[in-house]
Structure formats: structure tokens, C-alpha cells
Amino acid sequence: MFSTVVSLLGAAAPQTKEGQAIAFGLGVGLGALGAGVGIGNIFGSMIQSVARQPELRGELQGIQWLGFALTEAVVFYGLLGSILAYVLV
């Protein structure tokens, strides 16, 4: 009985590696995609805001960089999640 389970686990090893690669690629890819869209929105909104009210540029710039940093953190969360999926699957 035990040898059957071990042989089944051994046969599933290549599929597990494929699943790990897919999880890693999806995690990093979707994280980068989300961050790219978010950063584009942040800077696009900043350009529109400054074009409408140039005197608020100083106040808006701090909020812009905070939003940029938080959005960029999404990439690192995606990378961390994909590495965890790669290791744990």
C-alpha cells in the first residue's frame, strides 16, 4: 500500500513542477499588470490635477508618491505570493 502511494507521488512530480511554474508566472505577471495599471492611473490623475490647479502641485505630489509606493508594493506581494506558491505546491 505504501509503495503504491510513493509511486503515485513520484509520477505526479513533473506535473507539480509545471504547476509551480504556472503559479509563479501568474503571480508575478498579474502583480506587475495591476501595478502598471495603478501607476498609470496615479500619474495620469496627477497630470490632470496639476493642469487644472497648478497651485496645488506641492500638496498633490506627496499624495502621488504615497500612492505610487503603495501601488508598487503590489508587485512585491505578487512576487512573494508566487514564490510561496512555487515552494509550497
PDB file of N, CA and C in Angstrom:
ATOM      1  N   MET A   1       0.824  -1.199   0.000  1.00  0.00           N
ATOM      2  CA  MET A   1       0.000   0.000   0.000  1.00  0.00           C
ATOM      3  C   MET A   1       0.865   1.258   0.000  1.00  0.00           C
ATOM      4  N   PHE A   2       1.868   1.286   0.880  1.00  0.00           N
ATOM      5  CA  PHE A   2       2.739   2.448   0.973  1.00  0.00           C
ATOM      6  C   PHE A   2       3.537   2.643  -0.316  1.00  0.00           C
ATOM      7  N   SER A   3       3.985   1.559  -0.909  1.00  0.00           N
ATOM      8  CA  SER A   3       4.763   1.670  -2.151  1.00  0.00           C
ATOM      9  C   SER A   3       3.896   2.218  -3.290  1.00  0.00           C
ATOM     10  N   THR A   4       2.611   1.913  -3.287  1.00  0.00           N
ATOM     11  CA  THR A   4       1.708   2.444  -4.312  1.00  0.00           C
ATOM     12  C   THR A   4       1.572   3.954  -4.172  1.00  0.00           C
ATOM     13  N   VAL A   5       1.434   4.424  -2.947  1.00  0.00           N
ATOM     14  CA  VAL A   5       1.317   5.861  -2.695  1.00  0.00           C
ATOM     15  C   VAL A   5       2.603   6.573  -3.102  1.00  0.00           C
ATOM     16  N   VAL A   6       3.739   5.994  -2.759  1.00  0.00           N
ATOM     17  CA  VAL A   6       5.024   6.598  -3.109  1.00  0.00           C
ATOM     18  C   VAL A   6       5.203   6.643  -4.624  1.00  0.00           C
ATOM     19  N   SER A   7       4.806   5.580  -5.325  1.00  0.00           N
ATOM     20  CA  SER A   7       4.945   5.572  -6.779  1.00  0.00           C
ATOM     21  C   SER A   7       3.998   6.588  -7.423  1.00  0.00           C
ATOM     22  N   LEU A   8       2.807   6.771  -6.860  1.00  0.00           N
ATOM     23  CA  LEU A   8       1.886   7.776  -7.384  1.00  0.00           C
ATOM     24  C   LEU A   8       2.426   9.185  -7.161  1.00  0.00           C
ATOM     25  N   LEU A   9       3.026   9.429  -6.015  1.00  0.00           N
ATOM     26  CA  LEU A   9       3.612  10.738  -5.752  1.00  0.00           C
ATOM     27  C   LEU A   9       4.793  11.000  -6.670  1.00  0.00           C
ATOM     28  N   GLY A  10       5.572   9.970  -6.933  1.00  0.00           N
ATOM     29  CA  GLY A  10       6.700  10.113  -7.844  1.00  0.00           C
ATOM     30  C   GLY A  10       6.246  10.395  -9.258  1.00  0.00           C
ATOM     31  N   ALA A  11       5.137   9.794  -9.670  1.00  0.00           N
ATOM     32  CA  ALA A  11       4.618  10.024 -11.013  1.00  0.00           C
ATOM     33  C   ALA A  11       4.038  11.430 -11.153  1.00  0.00           C
ATOM     34  N   ALA A  12       3.567  12.012 -10.065  1.00  0.00           N
ATOM     35  CA  ALA A  12       2.965  13.349 -10.112  1.00  0.00           C
ATOM     36  C   ALA A  12       4.001  14.460 -10.016  1.00  0.00           C
ATOM     37  N   ALA A  13       5.263  14.119  -9.792  1.00  0.00           N
ATOM     38  CA  ALA A  13       6.300  15.135  -9.604  1.00  0.00           C
ATOM     39  C   ALA A  13       6.454  16.063 -10.810  1.00  0.00           C
ATOM     40  N   PRO A  14       6.480  15.569 -12.064  1.00  0.00           N
ATOM     41  CA  PRO A  14       6.605  16.515 -13.184  1.00  0.00           C
ATOM     42  C   PRO A  14       5.416  17.467 -13.288  1.00  0.00           C
ATOM     43  N   GLN A  15       4.226  16.980 -12.986  1.00  0.00           N
ATOM     44  CA  GLN A  15       3.051  17.844 -13.036  1.00  0.00           C
ATOM     45  C   GLN A  15       3.118  18.906 -11.942  1.00  0.00           C
ATOM     46  N   THR A  16       3.688  18.547 -10.806  1.00  0.00           N
ATOM     47  CA  THR A  16       3.819  19.507  -9.725  1.00  0.00           C
ATOM     48  C   THR A  16       4.759  20.631 -10.128  1.00  0.00           C
ATOM     49  N   LYS A  17       5.859  20.295 -10.784  1.00  0.00           N
ATOM     50  CA  LYS A  17       6.796  21.321 -11.230  1.00  0.00           C
ATOM     51  C   LYS A  17       6.151  22.251 -12.254  1.00  0.00           C
ATOM     52  N   GLU A  18       5.325  21.695 -13.127  1.00  0.00           N
ATOM     53  CA  GLU A  18       4.621  22.527 -14.102  1.00  0.00           C
ATOM     54  C   GLU A  18       3.644  23.469 -13.406  1.00  0.00           C
ATOM     55  N   GLY A  19       2.949  22.949 -12.403  1.00  0.00           N
ATOM     56  CA  GLY A  19       2.020  23.777 -11.639  1.00  0.00           C
ATOM     57  C   GLY A  19       2.738  24.883 -10.893  1.00  0.00           C
ATOM     58  N   GLN A  20       3.919  24.572 -10.375  1.00  0.00           N
ATOM     59  CA  GLN A  20       4.704  25.596  -9.683  1.00  0.00           C
ATOM     60  C   GLN A  20       5.119  26.701 -10.651  1.00  0.00           C
ATOM     61  N   ALA A  21       5.532  26.322 -11.838  1.00  0.00           N
ATOM     62  CA  ALA A  21       5.949  27.324 -12.818  1.00  0.00           C
ATOM     63  C   ALA A  21       4.774  28.201 -13.235  1.00  0.00           C
ATOM     64  N   ILE A  22       3.607  27.594 -13.406  1.00  0.00           N
ATOM     65  CA  ILE A  22       2.418  28.373 -13.780  1.00  0.00           C
ATOM     66  C   ILE A  22       2.030  29.323 -12.656  1.00  0.00           C
ATOM     67  N   ALA A  23       2.060  28.843 -11.417  1.00  0.00           N
ATOM     68  CA  ALA A  23       1.716  29.694 -10.277  1.00  0.00           C
ATOM     69  C   ALA A  23       2.691  30.858 -10.153  1.00  0.00           C
ATOM     70  N   PHE A  24       3.966  30.580 -10.357  1.00  0.00           N
ATOM     71  CA  PHE A  24       4.971  31.637 -10.269  1.00  0.00           C
ATOM     72  C   PHE A  24       4.761  32.685 -11.362  1.00  0.00           C
ATOM     73  N   GLY A  25       4.536  32.233 -12.580  1.00  0.00           N
ATOM     74  CA  GLY A  25       4.327  33.155 -13.694  1.00  0.00           C
ATOM     75  C   GLY A  25       3.071  33.987 -13.534  1.00  0.00           C
ATOM     76  N   LEU A  26       1.997  33.355 -13.095  1.00  0.00           N
ATOM     77  CA  LEU A  26       0.749  34.096 -12.896  1.00  0.00           C
ATOM     78  C   LEU A  26       0.866  35.096 -11.765  1.00  0.00           C
ATOM     79  N   GLY A  27       1.517  34.706 -10.687  1.00  0.00           N
ATOM     80  CA  GLY A  27       1.649  35.616  -9.547  1.00  0.00           C
ATOM     81  C   GLY A  27       2.428  36.865  -9.891  1.00  0.00           C
ATOM     82  N   VAL A  28       3.556  36.686 -10.532  1.00  0.00           N
ATOM     83  CA  VAL A  28       4.375  37.837 -10.883  1.00  0.00           C
ATOM     84  C   VAL A  28       3.719  38.644 -12.004  1.00  0.00           C
ATOM     85  N   GLY A  29       3.181  37.956 -12.994  1.00  0.00           N
ATOM     86  CA  GLY A  29       2.573  38.655 -14.137  1.00  0.00           C
ATOM     87  C   GLY A  29       1.364  39.477 -13.748  1.00  0.00           C
ATOM     88  N   LEU A  30       0.470  38.899 -12.969  1.00  0.00           N
ATOM     89  CA  LEU A  30      -0.729  39.645 -12.565  1.00  0.00           C
ATOM     90  C   LEU A  30      -0.385  40.762 -11.595  1.00  0.00           C
ATOM     91  N   GLY A  31       0.609  40.522 -10.745  1.00  0.00           N
ATOM     92  CA  GLY A  31       1.044  41.589  -9.841  1.00  0.00           C
ATOM     93  C   GLY A  31       1.618  42.768 -10.603  1.00  0.00           C
ATOM     94  N   ALA A  32       2.426  42.478 -11.610  1.00  0.00           N
ATOM     95  CA  ALA A  32       3.016  43.554 -12.416  1.00  0.00           C
ATOM     96  C   ALA A  32       1.954  44.262 -13.254  1.00  0.00           C
ATOM     97  N   LEU A  33       1.000  43.509 -13.764  1.00  0.00           N
ATOM     98  CA  LEU A  33      -0.068  44.114 -14.554  1.00  0.00           C
ATOM     99  C   LEU A  33      -0.888  45.077 -13.697  1.00  0.00           C
ATOM    100  N   GLY A  34      -1.261  44.644 -12.519  1.00  0.00           N
ATOM    101  CA  GLY A  34      -2.034  45.506 -11.626  1.00  0.00           C
ATOM    102  C   GLY A  34      -1.278  46.756 -11.220  1.00  0.00           C
ATOM    103  N   ALA A  35       0.010  46.592 -10.957  1.00  0.00           N
ATOM    104  CA  ALA A  35       0.812  47.753 -10.572  1.00  0.00           C
ATOM    105  C   ALA A  35       0.963  48.715 -11.742  1.00  0.00           C
ATOM    106  N   GLY A  36       1.121  48.191 -12.939  1.00  0.00           N
ATOM    107  CA  GLY A  36       1.247  49.058 -14.110  1.00  0.00           C
ATOM    108  C   GLY A  36      -0.005  49.882 -14.341  1.00  0.00           C
ATOM    109  N   VAL A  37      -1.147  49.267 -14.205  1.00  0.00           N
ATOM    110  CA  VAL A  37      -2.414  49.983 -14.370  1.00  0.00           C
ATOM    111  C   VAL A  37      -2.578  51.023 -13.258  1.00  0.00           C
ATOM    112  N   GLY A  38      -2.258  50.632 -12.036  1.00  0.00           N
ATOM    113  CA  GLY A  38      -2.402  51.564 -10.909  1.00  0.00           C
ATOM    114  C   GLY A  38      -1.480  52.758 -11.009  1.00  0.00           C
ATOM    115  N   ILE A  39      -0.239  52.521 -11.389  1.00  0.00           N
ATOM    116  CA  ILE A  39       0.721  53.617 -11.517  1.00  0.00           C
ATOM    117  C   ILE A  39       0.324  54.540 -12.664  1.00  0.00           C
ATOM    118  N   GLY A  40      -0.171  53.959 -13.743  1.00  0.00           N
ATOM    119  CA  GLY A  40      -0.658  54.791 -14.841  1.00  0.00           C
ATOM    120  C   GLY A  40      -1.808  55.683 -14.419  1.00  0.00           C
ATOM    121  N   ASN A  41      -2.714  55.140 -13.639  1.00  0.00           N
ATOM    122  CA  ASN A  41      -3.836  55.943 -13.128  1.00  0.00           C
ATOM    123  C   ASN A  41      -3.360  57.053 -12.201  1.00  0.00           C
ATOM    124  N   ILE A  42      -2.404  56.735 -11.345  1.00  0.00           N
ATOM    125  CA  ILE A  42      -1.906  57.726 -10.391  1.00  0.00           C
ATOM    126  C   ILE A  42      -1.281  58.908 -11.119  1.00  0.00           C
ATOM    127  N   PHE A  43      -0.369  58.617 -12.041  1.00  0.00           N
ATOM    128  CA  PHE A  43       0.321  59.707 -12.717  1.00  0.00           C
ATOM    129  C   PHE A  43      -0.594  60.436 -13.700  1.00  0.00           C
ATOM    130  N   GLY A  44      -1.519  59.726 -14.313  1.00  0.00           N
ATOM    131  CA  GLY A  44      -2.490  60.393 -15.178  1.00  0.00           C
ATOM    132  C   GLY A  44      -3.370  61.355 -14.397  1.00  0.00           C
ATOM    133  N   SER A  45      -3.808  60.933 -13.237  1.00  0.00           N
ATOM    134  CA  SER A  45      -4.627  61.806 -12.391  1.00  0.00           C
ATOM    135  C   SER A  45      -3.824  62.994 -11.879  1.00  0.00           C
ATOM    136  N   MET A  46      -2.544  62.755 -11.603  1.00  0.00           N
ATOM    137  CA  MET A  46      -1.690  63.855 -11.136  1.00  0.00           C
ATOM    138  C   MET A  46      -1.532  64.913 -12.230  1.00  0.00           C
ATOM    139  N   ILE A  47      -1.321  64.460 -13.449  1.00  0.00           N
ATOM    140  CA  ILE A  47      -1.163  65.409 -14.559  1.00  0.00           C
ATOM    141  C   ILE A  47      -2.441  66.220 -14.752  1.00  0.00           C
ATOM    142  N   GLN A  48      -3.592  65.561 -14.685  1.00  0.00           N
ATOM    143  CA  GLN A  48      -4.861  66.280 -14.837  1.00  0.00           C
ATOM    144  C   GLN A  48      -5.084  67.264 -13.692  1.00  0.00           C
ATOM    145  N   SER A  49      -4.760  66.855 -12.487  1.00  0.00           N
ATOM    146  CA  SER A  49      -4.976  67.722 -11.324  1.00  0.00           C
ATOM    147  C   SER A  49      -4.099  68.960 -11.381  1.00  0.00           C
ATOM    148  N   VAL A  50      -2.842  68.783 -11.743  1.00  0.00           N
ATOM    149  CA  VAL A  50      -1.935  69.928 -11.813  1.00  0.00           C
ATOM    150  C   VAL A  50      -2.311  70.839 -12.984  1.00  0.00           C
ATOM    151  N   ALA A  51      -2.814  70.251 -14.055  1.00  0.00           N
ATOM    152  CA  ALA A  51      -3.241  71.079 -15.182  1.00  0.00           C
ATOM    153  C   ALA A  51      -4.446  71.943 -14.806  1.00  0.00           C
ATOM    154  N   ARG A  52      -5.287  71.422 -13.930  1.00  0.00           N
ATOM    155  CA  ARG A  52      -6.473  72.195 -13.525  1.00  0.00           C
ATOM    156  C   ARG A  52      -6.146  73.234 -12.457  1.00  0.00           C
ATOM    157  N   GLN A  53      -5.327  72.822 -11.473  1.00  0.00           N
ATOM    158  CA  GLN A  53      -4.978  73.741 -10.379  1.00  0.00           C
ATOM    159  C   GLN A  53      -3.482  73.653 -10.095  1.00  0.00           C
ATOM    160  N   PRO A  54      -2.687  74.414 -10.814  1.00  0.00           N
ATOM    161  CA  PRO A  54      -1.227  74.331 -10.648  1.00  0.00           C
ATOM    162  C   PRO A  54      -0.744  74.702  -9.248  1.00  0.00           C
ATOM    163  N   GLU A  55      -1.504  75.505  -8.526  1.00  0.00           N
ATOM    164  CA  GLU A  55      -1.062  75.924  -7.192  1.00  0.00           C
ATOM    165  C   GLU A  55      -1.095  74.792  -6.164  1.00  0.00           C
ATOM    166  N   LEU A  56      -1.781  73.704  -6.460  1.00  0.00           N
ATOM    167  CA  LEU A  56      -1.854  72.572  -5.530  1.00  0.00           C
ATOM    168  C   LEU A  56      -0.799  71.504  -5.805  1.00  0.00           C
ATOM    169  N   ARG A  57       0.153  71.812  -6.671  1.00  0.00           N
ATOM    170  CA  ARG A  57       1.138  70.799  -7.053  1.00  0.00           C
ATOM    171  C   ARG A  57       1.905  70.245  -5.849  1.00  0.00           C
ATOM    172  N   GLY A  58       2.324  71.108  -4.935  1.00  0.00           N
ATOM    173  CA  GLY A  58       3.092  70.667  -3.765  1.00  0.00           C
ATOM    174  C   GLY A  58       2.316  69.704  -2.882  1.00  0.00           C
ATOM    175  N   GLU A  59       1.057  70.002  -2.654  1.00  0.00           N
ATOM    176  CA  GLU A  59       0.227  69.131  -1.823  1.00  0.00           C
ATOM    177  C   GLU A  59      -0.057  67.796  -2.509  1.00  0.00           C
ATOM    178  N   LEU A  60      -0.301  67.859  -3.806  1.00  0.00           N
ATOM    179  CA  LEU A  60      -0.641  66.643  -4.546  1.00  0.00           C
ATOM    180  C   LEU A  60       0.559  65.726  -4.757  1.00  0.00           C
ATOM    181  N   GLN A  61       1.753  66.308  -4.782  1.00  0.00           N
ATOM    182  CA  GLN A  61       2.928  65.497  -5.074  1.00  0.00           C
ATOM    183  C   GLN A  61       3.208  64.489  -3.965  1.00  0.00           C
ATOM    184  N   GLY A  62       2.998  64.878  -2.714  1.00  0.00           N
ATOM    185  CA  GLY A  62       3.197  63.939  -1.607  1.00  0.00           C
ATOM    186  C   GLY A  62       2.212  62.777  -1.670  1.00  0.00           C
ATOM    187  N   ILE A  63       0.971  63.096  -1.978  1.00  0.00           N
ATOM    188  CA  ILE A  63      -0.047  62.051  -2.113  1.00  0.00           C
ATOM    189  C   ILE A  63       0.268  61.150  -3.297  1.00  0.00           C
ATOM    190  N   GLN A  64       0.791  61.755  -4.362  1.00  0.00           N
ATOM    191  CA  GLN A  64       1.156  60.979  -5.542  1.00  0.00           C
ATOM    192  C   GLN A  64       2.223  59.947  -5.201  1.00  0.00           C
ATOM    193  N   TRP A  65       3.277  60.355  -4.501  1.00  0.00           N
ATOM    194  CA  TRP A  65       4.355  59.410  -4.199  1.00  0.00           C
ATOM    195  C   TRP A  65       3.914  58.345  -3.211  1.00  0.00           C
ATOM    196  N   LEU A  66       3.023  58.687  -2.301  1.00  0.00           N
ATOM    197  CA  LEU A  66       2.483  57.676  -1.398  1.00  0.00           C
ATOM    198  C   LEU A  66       1.675  56.643  -2.166  1.00  0.00           C
ATOM    199  N   GLY A  67       0.832  57.106  -3.072  1.00  0.00           N
ATOM    200  CA  GLY A  67       0.067  56.182  -3.905  1.00  0.00           C
ATOM    201  C   GLY A  67       0.956  55.332  -4.783  1.00  0.00           C
ATOM    202  N   PHE A  68       2.022  55.928  -5.316  1.00  0.00           N
ATOM    203  CA  PHE A  68       2.968  55.175  -6.130  1.00  0.00           C
ATOM    204  C   PHE A  68       3.624  54.066  -5.321  1.00  0.00           C
ATOM    205  N   ALA A  69       4.068  54.388  -4.112  1.00  0.00           N
ATOM    206  CA  ALA A  69       4.748  53.395  -3.276  1.00  0.00           C
ATOM    207  C   ALA A  69       3.803  52.256  -2.890  1.00  0.00           C
ATOM    208  N   LEU A  70       2.578  52.596  -2.546  1.00  0.00           N
ATOM    209  CA  LEU A  70       1.623  51.549  -2.165  1.00  0.00           C
ATOM    210  C   LEU A  70       1.252  50.677  -3.357  1.00  0.00           C
ATOM    211  N   THR A  71       1.139  51.279  -4.527  1.00  0.00           N
ATOM    212  CA  THR A  71       0.819  50.510  -5.721  1.00  0.00           C
ATOM    213  C   THR A  71       1.992  49.618  -6.114  1.00  0.00           C
ATOM    214  N   GLU A  72       3.189  50.125  -5.979  1.00  0.00           N
ATOM    215  CA  GLU A  72       4.383  49.341  -6.317  1.00  0.00           C
ATOM    216  C   GLU A  72       4.542  48.158  -5.353  1.00  0.00           C
ATOM    217  N   ALA A  73       4.036  48.293  -4.144  1.00  0.00           N
ATOM    218  CA  ALA A  73       4.111  47.191  -3.184  1.00  0.00           C
ATOM    219  C   ALA A  73       3.306  45.982  -3.667  1.00  0.00           C
ATOM    220  N   VAL A  74       2.328  46.218  -4.521  1.00  0.00           N
ATOM    221  CA  VAL A  74       1.531  45.117  -5.065  1.00  0.00           C
ATOM    222  C   VAL A  74       2.416  44.145  -5.837  1.00  0.00           C
ATOM    223  N   VAL A  75       3.411  44.667  -6.544  1.00  0.00           N
ATOM    224  CA  VAL A  75       4.326  43.798  -7.283  1.00  0.00           C
ATOM    225  C   VAL A  75       5.070  42.892  -6.319  1.00  0.00           C
ATOM    226  N   PHE A  76       5.517  43.442  -5.210  1.00  0.00           N
ATOM    227  CA  PHE A  76       6.251  42.635  -4.249  1.00  0.00           C
ATOM    228  C   PHE A  76       5.350  41.607  -3.575  1.00  0.00           C
ATOM    229  N   TYR A  77       4.086  41.968  -3.327  1.00  0.00           N
ATOM    230  CA  TYR A  77       3.146  40.985  -2.786  1.00  0.00           C
ATOM    231  C   TYR A  77       2.896  39.869  -3.793  1.00  0.00           C
ATOM    232  N   GLY A  78       2.780  40.216  -5.064  1.00  0.00           N
ATOM    233  CA  GLY A  78       2.626  39.201  -6.099  1.00  0.00           C
ATOM    234  C   GLY A  78       3.843  38.306  -6.191  1.00  0.00           C
ATOM    235  N   LEU A  79       5.025  38.891  -6.097  1.00  0.00           N
ATOM    236  CA  LEU A  79       6.259  38.109  -6.136  1.00  0.00           C
ATOM    237  C   LEU A  79       6.347  37.186  -4.933  1.00  0.00           C
ATOM    238  N   LEU A  80       6.032  37.711  -3.762  1.00  0.00           N
ATOM    239  CA  LEU A  80       6.080  36.889  -2.549  1.00  0.00           C
ATOM    240  C   LEU A  80       5.058  35.766  -2.610  1.00  0.00           C
ATOM    241  N   GLY A  81       3.851  36.074  -3.061  1.00  0.00           N
ATOM    242  CA  GLY A  81       2.829  35.036  -3.171  1.00  0.00           C
ATOM    243  C   GLY A  81       3.199  33.975  -4.182  1.00  0.00           C
ATOM    244  N   SER A  82       3.798  34.378  -5.284  1.00  0.00           N
ATOM    245  CA  SER A  82       4.185  33.399  -6.291  1.00  0.00           C
ATOM    246  C   SER A  82       5.349  32.548  -5.823  1.00  0.00           C
ATOM    247  N   ILE A  83       6.268  33.128  -5.069  1.00  0.00           N
ATOM    248  CA  ILE A  83       7.357  32.319  -4.520  1.00  0.00           C
ATOM    249  C   ILE A  83       6.820  31.325  -3.506  1.00  0.00           C
ATOM    250  N   LEU A  84       5.878  31.760  -2.686  1.00  0.00           N
ATOM    251  CA  LEU A  84       5.257  30.834  -1.727  1.00  0.00           C
ATOM    252  C   LEU A  84       4.519  29.711  -2.456  1.00  0.00           C
ATOM    253  N   ALA A  85       3.800  30.055  -3.513  1.00  0.00           N
ATOM    254  CA  ALA A  85       3.100  29.019  -4.289  1.00  0.00           C
ATOM    255  C   ALA A  85       4.087  28.079  -4.933  1.00  0.00           C
ATOM    256  N   TYR A  86       5.198  28.604  -5.401  1.00  0.00           N
ATOM    257  CA  TYR A  86       6.231  27.768  -6.033  1.00  0.00           C
ATOM    258  C   TYR A  86       6.831  26.785  -5.028  1.00  0.00           C
ATOM    259  N   VAL A  87       7.058  27.271  -3.805  1.00  0.00           N
ATOM    260  CA  VAL A  87       7.693  26.429  -2.784  1.00  0.00           C
ATOM    261  C   VAL A  87       6.698  25.448  -2.168  1.00  0.00           C
ATOM    262  N   LEU A  88       5.471  25.886  -1.935  1.00  0.00           N
ATOM    263  CA  LEU A  88       4.524  25.060  -1.201  1.00  0.00           C
ATOM    264  C   LEU A  88       3.753  24.070  -2.065  1.00  0.00           C
ATOM    265  N   VAL A  89       3.631  24.349  -3.371  1.00  0.00           N
ATOM    266  CA  VAL A  89       2.862  23.438  -4.225  1.00  0.00           C
ATOM    267  C   VAL A  89       3.693  22.250  -4.590  1.00  0.00           C
TER     268      VAL A  89
END
